[in-house]
N, C-alpha and C. Protein backbone atom coordinates (compact mmCIF):
# COMPACT_ATOMS: atom_id res chain seq x y z
N MET A 1 -12.33 -45.34 -5.51
CA MET A 1 -11.35 -44.61 -6.31
C MET A 1 -10.02 -45.34 -6.31
N ASN A 2 -9.34 -45.32 -7.45
CA ASN A 2 -8.01 -45.88 -7.55
C ASN A 2 -7.10 -45.24 -6.52
N ARG A 3 -6.32 -46.09 -5.80
CA ARG A 3 -5.46 -45.58 -4.74
C ARG A 3 -4.54 -44.47 -5.23
N GLU A 4 -4.08 -44.59 -6.48
CA GLU A 4 -3.17 -43.58 -7.03
C GLU A 4 -3.83 -42.21 -7.15
N ASN A 5 -5.16 -42.21 -7.20
CA ASN A 5 -5.90 -40.95 -7.37
C ASN A 5 -6.47 -40.41 -6.06
N GLN A 6 -6.09 -41.02 -4.94
CA GLN A 6 -6.58 -40.53 -3.66
C GLN A 6 -5.98 -39.18 -3.31
N VAL A 7 -4.78 -38.91 -3.82
CA VAL A 7 -4.11 -37.63 -3.62
C VAL A 7 -3.62 -37.14 -4.98
N ILE A 8 -4.07 -35.97 -5.38
CA ILE A 8 -3.71 -35.44 -6.70
C ILE A 8 -3.12 -34.04 -6.54
N PHE A 9 -1.95 -33.83 -7.12
CA PHE A 9 -1.31 -32.50 -7.12
C PHE A 9 -1.67 -31.77 -8.40
N LYS A 10 -2.04 -30.50 -8.25
CA LYS A 10 -2.34 -29.67 -9.42
C LYS A 10 -1.61 -28.35 -9.29
N GLY A 11 -0.89 -27.97 -10.33
CA GLY A 11 -0.23 -26.68 -10.34
C GLY A 11 -1.18 -25.61 -10.85
N THR A 12 -1.24 -24.46 -10.18
CA THR A 12 -2.07 -23.34 -10.60
C THR A 12 -1.20 -22.10 -10.66
N LYS A 13 -1.75 -21.02 -11.18
CA LYS A 13 -1.00 -19.77 -11.27
C LYS A 13 -0.70 -19.20 -9.89
N ASP A 14 -1.48 -19.64 -8.88
CA ASP A 14 -1.28 -19.13 -7.52
C ASP A 14 -0.44 -20.05 -6.65
N GLY A 15 -0.15 -21.27 -7.12
CA GLY A 15 0.62 -22.19 -6.29
C GLY A 15 0.28 -23.64 -6.60
N ILE A 16 0.23 -24.45 -5.55
CA ILE A 16 -0.03 -25.88 -5.69
C ILE A 16 -1.29 -26.25 -4.94
N THR A 17 -2.19 -26.95 -5.60
CA THR A 17 -3.41 -27.46 -4.98
C THR A 17 -3.27 -28.97 -4.81
N VAL A 18 -3.58 -29.46 -3.61
CA VAL A 18 -3.57 -30.89 -3.34
C VAL A 18 -5.03 -31.32 -3.12
N VAL A 19 -5.51 -32.18 -4.00
CA VAL A 19 -6.90 -32.64 -3.92
C VAL A 19 -6.93 -34.01 -3.27
N PHE A 20 -7.68 -34.14 -2.17
CA PHE A 20 -7.77 -35.39 -1.43
C PHE A 20 -9.12 -36.06 -1.66
N ASP A 21 -9.09 -37.37 -1.81
CA ASP A 21 -10.33 -38.13 -1.94
C ASP A 21 -11.16 -37.98 -0.67
N ALA A 22 -12.44 -37.68 -0.82
CA ALA A 22 -13.30 -37.40 0.33
C ALA A 22 -13.64 -38.64 1.14
N GLU A 23 -13.52 -39.83 0.53
CA GLU A 23 -13.95 -41.06 1.21
C GLU A 23 -12.80 -41.92 1.72
N ALA A 24 -11.60 -41.71 1.26
CA ALA A 24 -10.47 -42.57 1.63
C ALA A 24 -10.10 -42.39 3.10
N PRO A 25 -9.65 -43.46 3.77
CA PRO A 25 -9.20 -43.35 5.16
C PRO A 25 -8.02 -42.39 5.26
N PHE A 26 -7.93 -41.68 6.36
CA PHE A 26 -6.88 -40.68 6.51
C PHE A 26 -5.49 -41.30 6.40
N GLU A 27 -5.29 -42.48 7.00
CA GLU A 27 -3.97 -43.12 6.95
C GLU A 27 -3.59 -43.45 5.52
N SER A 28 -4.56 -43.84 4.72
CA SER A 28 -4.29 -44.14 3.32
C SER A 28 -3.87 -42.87 2.59
N LEU A 29 -4.51 -41.75 2.91
CA LEU A 29 -4.13 -40.47 2.30
C LEU A 29 -2.70 -40.09 2.67
N CYS A 30 -2.33 -40.34 3.93
CA CYS A 30 -0.98 -40.01 4.38
C CYS A 30 0.05 -40.84 3.62
N ASP A 31 -0.22 -42.12 3.46
CA ASP A 31 0.70 -43.00 2.73
C ASP A 31 0.86 -42.56 1.29
N GLN A 32 -0.27 -42.23 0.66
CA GLN A 32 -0.23 -41.84 -0.74
C GLN A 32 0.45 -40.47 -0.91
N LEU A 33 0.19 -39.55 0.03
CA LEU A 33 0.83 -38.24 -0.02
C LEU A 33 2.34 -38.38 0.11
N GLU A 34 2.79 -39.20 1.04
CA GLU A 34 4.22 -39.40 1.24
C GLU A 34 4.88 -39.94 -0.03
N LYS A 35 4.25 -40.92 -0.65
CA LYS A 35 4.80 -41.51 -1.87
C LYS A 35 4.90 -40.48 -2.99
N LYS A 36 3.84 -39.68 -3.15
CA LYS A 36 3.84 -38.71 -4.25
C LYS A 36 4.84 -37.59 -4.02
N VAL A 37 4.99 -37.17 -2.77
CA VAL A 37 5.95 -36.11 -2.47
C VAL A 37 7.37 -36.63 -2.70
N GLU A 38 7.65 -37.87 -2.27
CA GLU A 38 8.97 -38.46 -2.50
C GLU A 38 9.27 -38.55 -4.00
N ASP A 39 8.28 -38.96 -4.78
CA ASP A 39 8.48 -39.10 -6.23
C ASP A 39 8.75 -37.75 -6.90
N ALA A 40 8.18 -36.68 -6.30
CA ALA A 40 8.30 -35.34 -6.92
C ALA A 40 9.28 -34.44 -6.17
N ALA A 41 10.13 -35.04 -5.33
CA ALA A 41 11.03 -34.27 -4.48
C ALA A 41 11.91 -33.31 -5.29
N LYS A 42 12.42 -33.77 -6.44
CA LYS A 42 13.28 -32.91 -7.27
C LYS A 42 12.51 -31.72 -7.83
N PHE A 43 11.23 -31.95 -8.14
CA PHE A 43 10.40 -30.88 -8.67
C PHE A 43 10.17 -29.79 -7.62
N PHE A 44 10.02 -30.21 -6.33
CA PHE A 44 9.73 -29.27 -5.26
C PHE A 44 10.98 -28.61 -4.69
N ASP A 45 12.17 -29.08 -5.05
CA ASP A 45 13.40 -28.63 -4.42
C ASP A 45 13.58 -27.11 -4.51
N GLY A 46 13.60 -26.46 -3.34
CA GLY A 46 13.82 -25.03 -3.26
C GLY A 46 12.64 -24.17 -3.65
N VAL A 47 11.50 -24.78 -3.90
CA VAL A 47 10.32 -24.03 -4.36
C VAL A 47 9.65 -23.32 -3.18
N LYS A 48 9.27 -22.06 -3.38
CA LYS A 48 8.44 -21.33 -2.43
C LYS A 48 7.08 -21.13 -3.05
N THR A 49 6.04 -21.64 -2.42
CA THR A 49 4.72 -21.63 -3.04
C THR A 49 3.61 -21.60 -2.01
N SER A 50 2.43 -21.21 -2.45
CA SER A 50 1.24 -21.36 -1.62
C SER A 50 0.76 -22.80 -1.75
N LEU A 51 0.00 -23.24 -0.78
CA LEU A 51 -0.50 -24.61 -0.79
C LEU A 51 -1.98 -24.60 -0.45
N VAL A 52 -2.77 -25.28 -1.25
CA VAL A 52 -4.21 -25.35 -1.03
C VAL A 52 -4.61 -26.81 -0.88
N PHE A 53 -5.30 -27.15 0.21
CA PHE A 53 -5.86 -28.48 0.41
C PHE A 53 -7.33 -28.44 0.02
N LYS A 54 -7.74 -29.34 -0.86
CA LYS A 54 -9.14 -29.39 -1.29
C LYS A 54 -9.68 -30.81 -1.23
N GLY A 55 -11.00 -30.91 -1.28
CA GLY A 55 -11.65 -32.21 -1.37
C GLY A 55 -12.31 -32.69 -0.11
N ARG A 56 -11.77 -32.27 1.04
CA ARG A 56 -12.35 -32.69 2.31
C ARG A 56 -11.82 -31.80 3.44
N SER A 57 -12.48 -31.89 4.58
CA SER A 57 -12.04 -31.14 5.76
C SER A 57 -11.12 -31.99 6.61
N PHE A 58 -10.16 -31.34 7.26
CA PHE A 58 -9.26 -32.01 8.17
C PHE A 58 -9.27 -31.31 9.52
N THR A 59 -8.99 -32.06 10.57
CA THR A 59 -8.80 -31.43 11.87
C THR A 59 -7.45 -30.73 11.86
N ASP A 60 -7.22 -29.88 12.86
CA ASP A 60 -5.94 -29.19 12.93
C ASP A 60 -4.78 -30.18 13.04
N ALA A 61 -4.98 -31.23 13.84
CA ALA A 61 -3.93 -32.24 14.01
C ALA A 61 -3.64 -32.96 12.70
N GLN A 62 -4.68 -33.25 11.93
CA GLN A 62 -4.50 -33.91 10.64
C GLN A 62 -3.77 -32.99 9.65
N GLU A 63 -4.15 -31.71 9.64
CA GLU A 63 -3.45 -30.75 8.77
C GLU A 63 -1.97 -30.70 9.10
N THR A 64 -1.67 -30.67 10.41
CA THR A 64 -0.28 -30.61 10.84
C THR A 64 0.48 -31.83 10.34
N ARG A 65 -0.13 -33.01 10.43
CA ARG A 65 0.54 -34.22 9.98
C ARG A 65 0.79 -34.19 8.48
N LEU A 66 -0.18 -33.73 7.71
CA LEU A 66 -0.01 -33.64 6.26
C LEU A 66 1.13 -32.69 5.90
N LEU A 67 1.20 -31.56 6.59
CA LEU A 67 2.27 -30.61 6.34
C LEU A 67 3.63 -31.19 6.72
N GLU A 68 3.67 -31.94 7.82
CA GLU A 68 4.92 -32.57 8.24
C GLU A 68 5.41 -33.58 7.20
N ILE A 69 4.47 -34.31 6.60
CA ILE A 69 4.84 -35.27 5.55
C ILE A 69 5.46 -34.54 4.36
N ILE A 70 4.83 -33.44 3.96
CA ILE A 70 5.32 -32.69 2.81
C ILE A 70 6.70 -32.10 3.08
N THR A 71 6.86 -31.44 4.22
CA THR A 71 8.13 -30.77 4.51
C THR A 71 9.24 -31.75 4.85
N ALA A 72 8.88 -32.95 5.31
CA ALA A 72 9.90 -33.95 5.66
C ALA A 72 10.50 -34.60 4.42
N HIS A 73 9.76 -34.62 3.31
CA HIS A 73 10.21 -35.33 2.12
C HIS A 73 10.49 -34.42 0.93
N ALA A 74 10.36 -33.10 1.13
CA ALA A 74 10.65 -32.18 0.04
C ALA A 74 11.17 -30.87 0.60
N ASN A 75 12.13 -30.29 -0.08
CA ASN A 75 12.68 -28.99 0.30
C ASN A 75 11.80 -27.90 -0.28
N ILE A 76 10.68 -27.66 0.39
CA ILE A 76 9.68 -26.74 -0.11
C ILE A 76 9.36 -25.71 0.96
N GLN A 77 9.21 -24.45 0.57
CA GLN A 77 8.83 -23.37 1.48
C GLN A 77 7.38 -23.01 1.22
N ILE A 78 6.53 -23.17 2.23
CA ILE A 78 5.10 -22.90 2.07
C ILE A 78 4.82 -21.48 2.55
N SER A 79 4.41 -20.62 1.62
CA SER A 79 4.18 -19.22 1.96
C SER A 79 2.87 -19.04 2.73
N PHE A 80 1.84 -19.78 2.38
CA PHE A 80 0.62 -19.82 3.18
C PHE A 80 -0.18 -21.05 2.80
N LEU A 81 -1.09 -21.41 3.68
CA LEU A 81 -1.90 -22.60 3.50
C LEU A 81 -3.37 -22.24 3.54
N LYS A 82 -4.11 -22.74 2.57
CA LYS A 82 -5.56 -22.56 2.55
C LYS A 82 -6.20 -23.94 2.58
N THR A 83 -7.09 -24.18 3.55
CA THR A 83 -7.71 -25.49 3.69
C THR A 83 -9.20 -25.34 3.99
N GLU A 84 -9.85 -26.49 4.12
CA GLU A 84 -11.24 -26.53 4.55
C GLU A 84 -11.28 -27.04 5.98
N ASN A 85 -10.56 -26.35 6.87
CA ASN A 85 -10.39 -26.77 8.25
C ASN A 85 -11.73 -26.86 8.97
N GLU A 86 -11.94 -27.95 9.70
CA GLU A 86 -13.23 -28.18 10.37
C GLU A 86 -13.51 -27.14 11.44
N GLU A 87 -12.47 -26.75 12.20
CA GLU A 87 -12.67 -25.77 13.26
C GLU A 87 -13.04 -24.41 12.68
N VAL A 88 -12.36 -24.03 11.61
CA VAL A 88 -12.68 -22.76 10.97
C VAL A 88 -14.07 -22.79 10.37
N SER A 89 -14.44 -23.91 9.76
CA SER A 89 -15.78 -24.04 9.19
C SER A 89 -16.84 -23.95 10.27
N ARG A 90 -16.55 -24.53 11.44
CA ARG A 90 -17.51 -24.49 12.55
C ARG A 90 -17.72 -23.04 13.01
N VAL A 91 -16.63 -22.30 13.16
CA VAL A 91 -16.73 -20.90 13.57
C VAL A 91 -17.51 -20.10 12.54
N ALA A 92 -17.18 -20.33 11.26
CA ALA A 92 -17.85 -19.59 10.20
C ALA A 92 -19.36 -19.84 10.20
N LYS A 93 -19.75 -21.10 10.43
CA LYS A 93 -21.17 -21.43 10.47
C LYS A 93 -21.85 -20.76 11.65
N LEU A 94 -21.17 -20.71 12.80
CA LEU A 94 -21.75 -20.11 13.99
C LEU A 94 -22.01 -18.62 13.81
N VAL A 95 -21.10 -17.95 13.11
CA VAL A 95 -21.28 -16.51 12.91
C VAL A 95 -22.08 -16.22 11.65
N GLY A 96 -22.42 -17.26 10.91
CA GLY A 96 -23.27 -17.09 9.74
C GLY A 96 -22.60 -16.41 8.58
N LYS A 97 -21.26 -16.59 8.45
CA LYS A 97 -20.55 -15.96 7.35
C LYS A 97 -19.64 -16.98 6.69
N ASP A 98 -19.28 -16.70 5.45
CA ASP A 98 -18.42 -17.57 4.66
C ASP A 98 -17.04 -16.93 4.57
N ILE A 99 -16.05 -17.50 5.27
CA ILE A 99 -14.72 -16.89 5.26
C ILE A 99 -14.09 -16.98 3.89
N GLN A 100 -14.51 -17.95 3.07
CA GLN A 100 -13.91 -18.06 1.74
C GLN A 100 -14.33 -16.92 0.82
N ALA A 101 -15.37 -16.18 1.23
CA ALA A 101 -15.81 -15.04 0.43
C ALA A 101 -14.75 -13.94 0.40
N PHE A 102 -13.78 -14.04 1.30
CA PHE A 102 -12.73 -13.03 1.36
C PHE A 102 -11.47 -13.55 0.69
N ASN A 103 -11.62 -14.34 -0.37
CA ASN A 103 -10.51 -14.82 -1.18
C ASN A 103 -9.66 -15.80 -0.40
N LEU A 104 -8.39 -15.52 -0.16
CA LEU A 104 -7.47 -16.47 0.42
C LEU A 104 -7.48 -16.42 1.94
N THR A 105 -7.06 -17.53 2.55
CA THR A 105 -6.95 -17.60 3.99
C THR A 105 -5.52 -17.97 4.36
N LYS A 106 -4.90 -17.17 5.19
CA LYS A 106 -3.54 -17.44 5.65
C LYS A 106 -3.60 -18.11 7.01
N PHE A 107 -2.95 -19.27 7.15
CA PHE A 107 -2.86 -19.97 8.42
C PHE A 107 -1.48 -19.72 9.03
N HIS A 108 -1.47 -19.24 10.26
CA HIS A 108 -0.21 -19.06 10.99
C HIS A 108 -0.22 -19.99 12.19
N ARG A 109 0.73 -20.91 12.23
CA ARG A 109 0.81 -21.86 13.34
C ARG A 109 1.83 -21.38 14.35
N GLY A 110 1.38 -21.16 15.59
CA GLY A 110 2.24 -20.64 16.64
C GLY A 110 1.77 -19.27 17.08
N SER A 111 2.19 -18.88 18.27
CA SER A 111 1.76 -17.61 18.84
C SER A 111 2.56 -16.44 18.28
N LEU A 112 1.92 -15.27 18.27
CA LEU A 112 2.58 -14.03 17.85
C LEU A 112 3.05 -13.29 19.10
N ARG A 113 4.33 -12.94 19.12
CA ARG A 113 4.91 -12.25 20.27
C ARG A 113 4.89 -10.73 20.06
N ASN A 114 5.26 -10.01 21.11
CA ASN A 114 5.35 -8.56 21.04
C ASN A 114 6.23 -8.13 19.87
N GLY A 115 5.70 -7.25 19.03
CA GLY A 115 6.45 -6.75 17.88
C GLY A 115 6.20 -7.50 16.59
N GLN A 116 5.55 -8.67 16.66
CA GLN A 116 5.26 -9.42 15.44
C GLN A 116 3.95 -8.94 14.83
N ARG A 117 3.88 -9.02 13.51
CA ARG A 117 2.71 -8.49 12.81
C ARG A 117 2.40 -9.34 11.58
N ILE A 118 1.12 -9.55 11.34
CA ILE A 118 0.65 -10.19 10.12
C ILE A 118 -0.23 -9.19 9.38
N ASP A 119 0.08 -8.97 8.12
CA ASP A 119 -0.70 -8.06 7.27
C ASP A 119 -1.02 -8.85 6.01
N PHE A 120 -2.31 -9.17 5.80
CA PHE A 120 -2.65 -10.10 4.72
C PHE A 120 -3.90 -9.67 3.97
N ASP A 121 -3.87 -9.84 2.65
CA ASP A 121 -5.02 -9.55 1.80
C ASP A 121 -5.87 -10.81 1.71
N GLY A 122 -6.80 -10.96 2.66
CA GLY A 122 -7.64 -12.15 2.79
C GLY A 122 -7.95 -12.35 4.26
N SER A 123 -8.34 -13.56 4.62
CA SER A 123 -8.63 -13.88 6.02
C SER A 123 -7.40 -14.49 6.68
N VAL A 124 -7.31 -14.36 7.99
CA VAL A 124 -6.18 -14.88 8.75
C VAL A 124 -6.67 -15.78 9.88
N VAL A 125 -6.05 -16.94 10.00
CA VAL A 125 -6.33 -17.86 11.10
C VAL A 125 -5.03 -18.10 11.85
N VAL A 126 -5.01 -17.82 13.15
CA VAL A 126 -3.83 -18.06 13.97
C VAL A 126 -4.11 -19.23 14.90
N VAL A 127 -3.30 -20.28 14.77
CA VAL A 127 -3.42 -21.44 15.66
C VAL A 127 -2.44 -21.19 16.80
N GLY A 128 -2.86 -20.40 17.76
CA GLY A 128 -2.00 -19.98 18.86
C GLY A 128 -2.54 -18.68 19.43
N ASP A 129 -1.73 -18.00 20.23
CA ASP A 129 -2.13 -16.75 20.88
C ASP A 129 -1.59 -15.54 20.13
N VAL A 130 -2.27 -14.42 20.30
CA VAL A 130 -1.78 -13.14 19.81
C VAL A 130 -1.53 -12.30 21.06
N ASN A 131 -0.28 -12.17 21.44
CA ASN A 131 0.09 -11.54 22.70
C ASN A 131 0.12 -10.02 22.60
N PRO A 132 0.10 -9.33 23.75
CA PRO A 132 0.17 -7.87 23.73
C PRO A 132 1.38 -7.39 22.94
N GLY A 133 1.19 -6.37 22.11
CA GLY A 133 2.25 -5.86 21.27
C GLY A 133 2.30 -6.49 19.89
N ALA A 134 1.53 -7.57 19.69
CA ALA A 134 1.43 -8.20 18.37
C ALA A 134 0.20 -7.65 17.66
N GLU A 135 0.21 -7.71 16.34
CA GLU A 135 -0.88 -7.10 15.57
C GLU A 135 -1.22 -7.94 14.35
N ILE A 136 -2.52 -8.03 14.05
CA ILE A 136 -2.99 -8.69 12.83
C ILE A 136 -3.86 -7.72 12.07
N LYS A 137 -3.59 -7.61 10.78
CA LYS A 137 -4.38 -6.75 9.90
C LYS A 137 -4.77 -7.57 8.68
N ALA A 138 -6.07 -7.68 8.41
CA ALA A 138 -6.54 -8.51 7.31
C ALA A 138 -7.69 -7.82 6.59
N THR A 139 -7.77 -8.00 5.26
CA THR A 139 -8.90 -7.45 4.52
C THR A 139 -10.15 -8.28 4.75
N GLY A 140 -9.98 -9.53 5.21
CA GLY A 140 -11.10 -10.42 5.50
C GLY A 140 -11.31 -10.60 6.98
N ASN A 141 -11.61 -11.83 7.38
CA ASN A 141 -11.89 -12.15 8.78
C ASN A 141 -10.61 -12.51 9.52
N ILE A 142 -10.68 -12.49 10.85
CA ILE A 142 -9.58 -12.91 11.70
C ILE A 142 -10.12 -13.92 12.71
N ILE A 143 -9.52 -15.10 12.75
CA ILE A 143 -9.92 -16.14 13.68
C ILE A 143 -8.69 -16.55 14.49
N ILE A 144 -8.80 -16.47 15.81
CA ILE A 144 -7.69 -16.81 16.70
C ILE A 144 -8.08 -18.06 17.49
N LEU A 145 -7.39 -19.16 17.23
CA LEU A 145 -7.64 -20.40 17.98
C LEU A 145 -6.74 -20.40 19.22
N GLY A 146 -6.94 -19.38 20.03
CA GLY A 146 -6.15 -19.16 21.24
C GLY A 146 -6.58 -17.83 21.84
N GLN A 147 -5.68 -17.14 22.53
CA GLN A 147 -6.00 -15.88 23.17
C GLN A 147 -5.65 -14.69 22.28
N LEU A 148 -6.57 -13.76 22.19
CA LEU A 148 -6.33 -12.51 21.47
C LEU A 148 -6.13 -11.41 22.50
N ARG A 149 -4.86 -11.03 22.70
CA ARG A 149 -4.53 -9.98 23.67
C ARG A 149 -3.82 -8.79 23.01
N GLY A 150 -3.53 -8.93 21.73
CA GLY A 150 -2.88 -7.84 21.01
C GLY A 150 -3.91 -7.02 20.25
N MET A 151 -3.54 -6.57 19.05
CA MET A 151 -4.43 -5.76 18.22
C MET A 151 -4.89 -6.55 17.01
N ALA A 152 -6.16 -6.39 16.65
CA ALA A 152 -6.72 -7.07 15.48
C ALA A 152 -7.55 -6.09 14.67
N HIS A 153 -7.29 -6.06 13.35
CA HIS A 153 -8.05 -5.18 12.45
C HIS A 153 -8.54 -6.02 11.28
N ALA A 154 -9.81 -6.40 11.31
CA ALA A 154 -10.43 -7.17 10.23
C ALA A 154 -11.13 -6.22 9.26
N GLY A 155 -11.28 -6.65 8.01
CA GLY A 155 -11.96 -5.80 7.03
C GLY A 155 -11.25 -4.48 6.85
N CYS A 156 -9.91 -4.50 6.83
CA CYS A 156 -9.15 -3.24 6.84
C CYS A 156 -9.30 -2.43 5.56
N ASN A 157 -9.88 -3.03 4.52
CA ASN A 157 -10.13 -2.27 3.28
C ASN A 157 -11.55 -1.69 3.26
N GLY A 158 -12.21 -1.70 4.43
CA GLY A 158 -13.55 -1.12 4.53
C GLY A 158 -14.66 -2.14 4.54
N MET A 159 -14.34 -3.45 4.57
CA MET A 159 -15.35 -4.50 4.56
C MET A 159 -15.97 -4.67 5.95
N SER A 160 -17.10 -4.04 6.18
CA SER A 160 -17.73 -4.07 7.50
C SER A 160 -18.40 -5.41 7.80
N ASP A 161 -18.53 -6.30 6.80
CA ASP A 161 -19.10 -7.62 7.04
C ASP A 161 -18.09 -8.58 7.66
N ALA A 162 -16.84 -8.18 7.78
CA ALA A 162 -15.82 -9.04 8.36
C ALA A 162 -16.09 -9.23 9.85
N PHE A 163 -15.48 -10.28 10.43
CA PHE A 163 -15.62 -10.53 11.86
C PHE A 163 -14.29 -10.95 12.46
N VAL A 164 -14.22 -10.86 13.79
CA VAL A 164 -13.06 -11.32 14.54
C VAL A 164 -13.55 -12.32 15.56
N SER A 165 -12.90 -13.48 15.64
CA SER A 165 -13.29 -14.51 16.59
C SER A 165 -12.05 -15.00 17.33
N ALA A 166 -12.22 -15.33 18.62
CA ALA A 166 -11.11 -15.84 19.41
C ALA A 166 -11.63 -16.77 20.49
N VAL A 167 -10.80 -17.73 20.85
CA VAL A 167 -11.15 -18.61 21.97
C VAL A 167 -11.23 -17.80 23.25
N TYR A 168 -10.30 -16.83 23.40
CA TYR A 168 -10.33 -15.90 24.53
C TYR A 168 -10.11 -14.50 23.97
N MET A 169 -11.13 -13.67 24.08
CA MET A 169 -11.13 -12.34 23.46
C MET A 169 -10.82 -11.27 24.49
N ALA A 170 -9.61 -10.72 24.44
CA ALA A 170 -9.23 -9.62 25.33
C ALA A 170 -8.20 -8.73 24.63
N PRO A 171 -8.54 -8.18 23.47
CA PRO A 171 -7.57 -7.41 22.69
C PRO A 171 -7.27 -6.04 23.30
N VAL A 172 -6.07 -5.54 23.03
CA VAL A 172 -5.75 -4.17 23.40
C VAL A 172 -6.62 -3.22 22.58
N GLN A 173 -6.77 -3.56 21.30
CA GLN A 173 -7.64 -2.79 20.41
C GLN A 173 -8.21 -3.72 19.36
N LEU A 174 -9.48 -3.55 19.07
CA LEU A 174 -10.14 -4.36 18.05
C LEU A 174 -10.80 -3.40 17.06
N ARG A 175 -10.57 -3.70 15.78
CA ARG A 175 -11.09 -2.82 14.73
C ARG A 175 -11.67 -3.64 13.60
N ILE A 176 -12.85 -3.25 13.14
CA ILE A 176 -13.47 -3.87 11.97
C ILE A 176 -13.83 -2.74 11.01
N ALA A 177 -13.29 -2.81 9.79
CA ALA A 177 -13.41 -1.71 8.83
C ALA A 177 -12.84 -0.45 9.47
N ASP A 178 -13.63 0.62 9.58
CA ASP A 178 -13.12 1.85 10.19
C ASP A 178 -13.67 2.07 11.59
N ILE A 179 -14.23 1.02 12.19
CA ILE A 179 -14.83 1.13 13.53
C ILE A 179 -13.89 0.50 14.55
N ILE A 180 -13.60 1.25 15.62
CA ILE A 180 -12.63 0.82 16.63
C ILE A 180 -13.31 0.68 17.98
N THR A 181 -12.91 -0.34 18.74
CA THR A 181 -13.39 -0.49 20.11
C THR A 181 -12.25 -0.97 20.98
N ARG A 182 -12.32 -0.65 22.25
CA ARG A 182 -11.36 -1.14 23.24
C ARG A 182 -12.11 -1.92 24.31
N PHE A 183 -11.46 -2.91 24.88
CA PHE A 183 -12.08 -3.74 25.88
C PHE A 183 -11.75 -3.21 27.28
N PRO A 184 -12.77 -3.02 28.14
CA PRO A 184 -12.49 -2.60 29.52
C PRO A 184 -11.62 -3.62 30.23
N GLU A 185 -10.81 -3.16 31.18
CA GLU A 185 -9.90 -4.05 31.89
C GLU A 185 -10.64 -5.17 32.60
N GLU A 186 -11.84 -4.88 33.12
CA GLU A 186 -12.58 -5.91 33.84
C GLU A 186 -13.00 -7.05 32.93
N ASN A 187 -13.06 -6.79 31.61
CA ASN A 187 -13.45 -7.84 30.66
C ASN A 187 -12.26 -8.70 30.24
N LYS A 188 -11.05 -8.36 30.74
CA LYS A 188 -9.86 -9.09 30.34
C LYS A 188 -9.40 -10.07 31.41
N ARG A 189 -10.19 -10.24 32.44
CA ARG A 189 -9.80 -11.12 33.54
C ARG A 189 -10.72 -12.33 33.62
N GLY A 190 -10.15 -13.46 33.98
CA GLY A 190 -10.95 -14.65 34.22
C GLY A 190 -11.31 -15.39 32.95
N PRO A 191 -11.72 -16.65 33.10
CA PRO A 191 -12.08 -17.47 31.93
C PRO A 191 -13.37 -16.98 31.27
N LYS A 192 -13.41 -17.10 29.95
CA LYS A 192 -14.59 -16.71 29.19
C LYS A 192 -14.83 -17.74 28.10
N ALA A 193 -16.06 -17.75 27.61
CA ALA A 193 -16.36 -18.61 26.48
C ALA A 193 -15.79 -17.98 25.20
N PRO A 194 -15.52 -18.78 24.17
CA PRO A 194 -15.09 -18.21 22.88
C PRO A 194 -16.09 -17.18 22.39
N GLU A 195 -15.59 -16.11 21.78
CA GLU A 195 -16.45 -15.01 21.36
C GLU A 195 -16.13 -14.59 19.93
N TYR A 196 -17.04 -13.85 19.34
CA TYR A 196 -16.76 -13.23 18.05
C TYR A 196 -17.31 -11.81 18.04
N ALA A 197 -16.64 -10.97 17.28
CA ALA A 197 -17.02 -9.56 17.19
C ALA A 197 -17.45 -9.25 15.76
N PHE A 198 -18.49 -8.44 15.63
CA PHE A 198 -19.03 -8.09 14.32
C PHE A 198 -19.63 -6.69 14.38
N VAL A 199 -19.89 -6.14 13.22
CA VAL A 199 -20.44 -4.79 13.14
C VAL A 199 -21.94 -4.85 12.87
N LYS A 200 -22.66 -4.05 13.63
CA LYS A 200 -24.11 -3.91 13.42
C LYS A 200 -24.50 -2.49 13.77
N ASP A 201 -25.22 -1.86 12.86
CA ASP A 201 -25.68 -0.49 13.06
C ASP A 201 -24.53 0.46 13.41
N GLY A 202 -23.40 0.25 12.76
CA GLY A 202 -22.27 1.14 12.94
C GLY A 202 -21.49 0.95 14.23
N GLN A 203 -21.77 -0.14 14.96
CA GLN A 203 -21.06 -0.41 16.21
C GLN A 203 -20.53 -1.84 16.22
N ILE A 204 -19.48 -2.07 17.01
CA ILE A 204 -18.94 -3.41 17.16
C ILE A 204 -19.61 -4.09 18.34
N PHE A 205 -20.18 -5.25 18.08
CA PHE A 205 -20.79 -6.06 19.13
C PHE A 205 -19.95 -7.32 19.34
N VAL A 206 -19.92 -7.82 20.57
CA VAL A 206 -19.19 -9.05 20.88
C VAL A 206 -20.18 -10.03 21.51
N MET A 207 -20.22 -11.25 20.94
CA MET A 207 -21.13 -12.27 21.45
C MET A 207 -20.38 -13.58 21.64
N ALA A 208 -20.91 -14.41 22.53
CA ALA A 208 -20.31 -15.72 22.79
C ALA A 208 -20.65 -16.66 21.64
N LEU A 209 -19.69 -17.52 21.30
CA LEU A 209 -19.97 -18.58 20.32
C LEU A 209 -20.65 -19.71 21.06
N ALA A 210 -21.90 -19.98 20.71
CA ALA A 210 -22.65 -21.01 21.42
C ALA A 210 -23.15 -22.04 20.43
């Protein structure tokens, strides 16, 4: 592919989509992204928009670098990011569900502290911890790449096929659709394998991601 076409920006009614060549080396993509963002800096100035990465999967570290390139060279406010993240895809495959079936995915980088809340129409991925007193409410799935110690409500519009996954699952309260469960205190101590929660036969079950 022509180097100029390794990174393509497309404007949509929902925001900006960045299409990446699936075969190009990552460093080449970074160079091309930087050049294109610099060239379009005036266009992005003061813009608040959603951002969608398409064309290939990136690791969390790679996603972070791409976002740093964009924000370093343009005065742009990113309202949410939707990507084909490898870690999220791995979790989705393990639980046998497609998170994209729930429309948009909001990525939140950093931990949620007491009193913080995310309420989103779609799926939510938190790259960090959800501490006691913090809450996430999503119409789709909830994936925590860290500790879940606060409250999580997936499928809040009644979608019982939604799931909740966390590297460390110890929520104050966990809810899927209209079904609620609490974790016993003995289950909140000590190291555990990553787990996911889902609904079956009207009850919430929690299993290890293996």
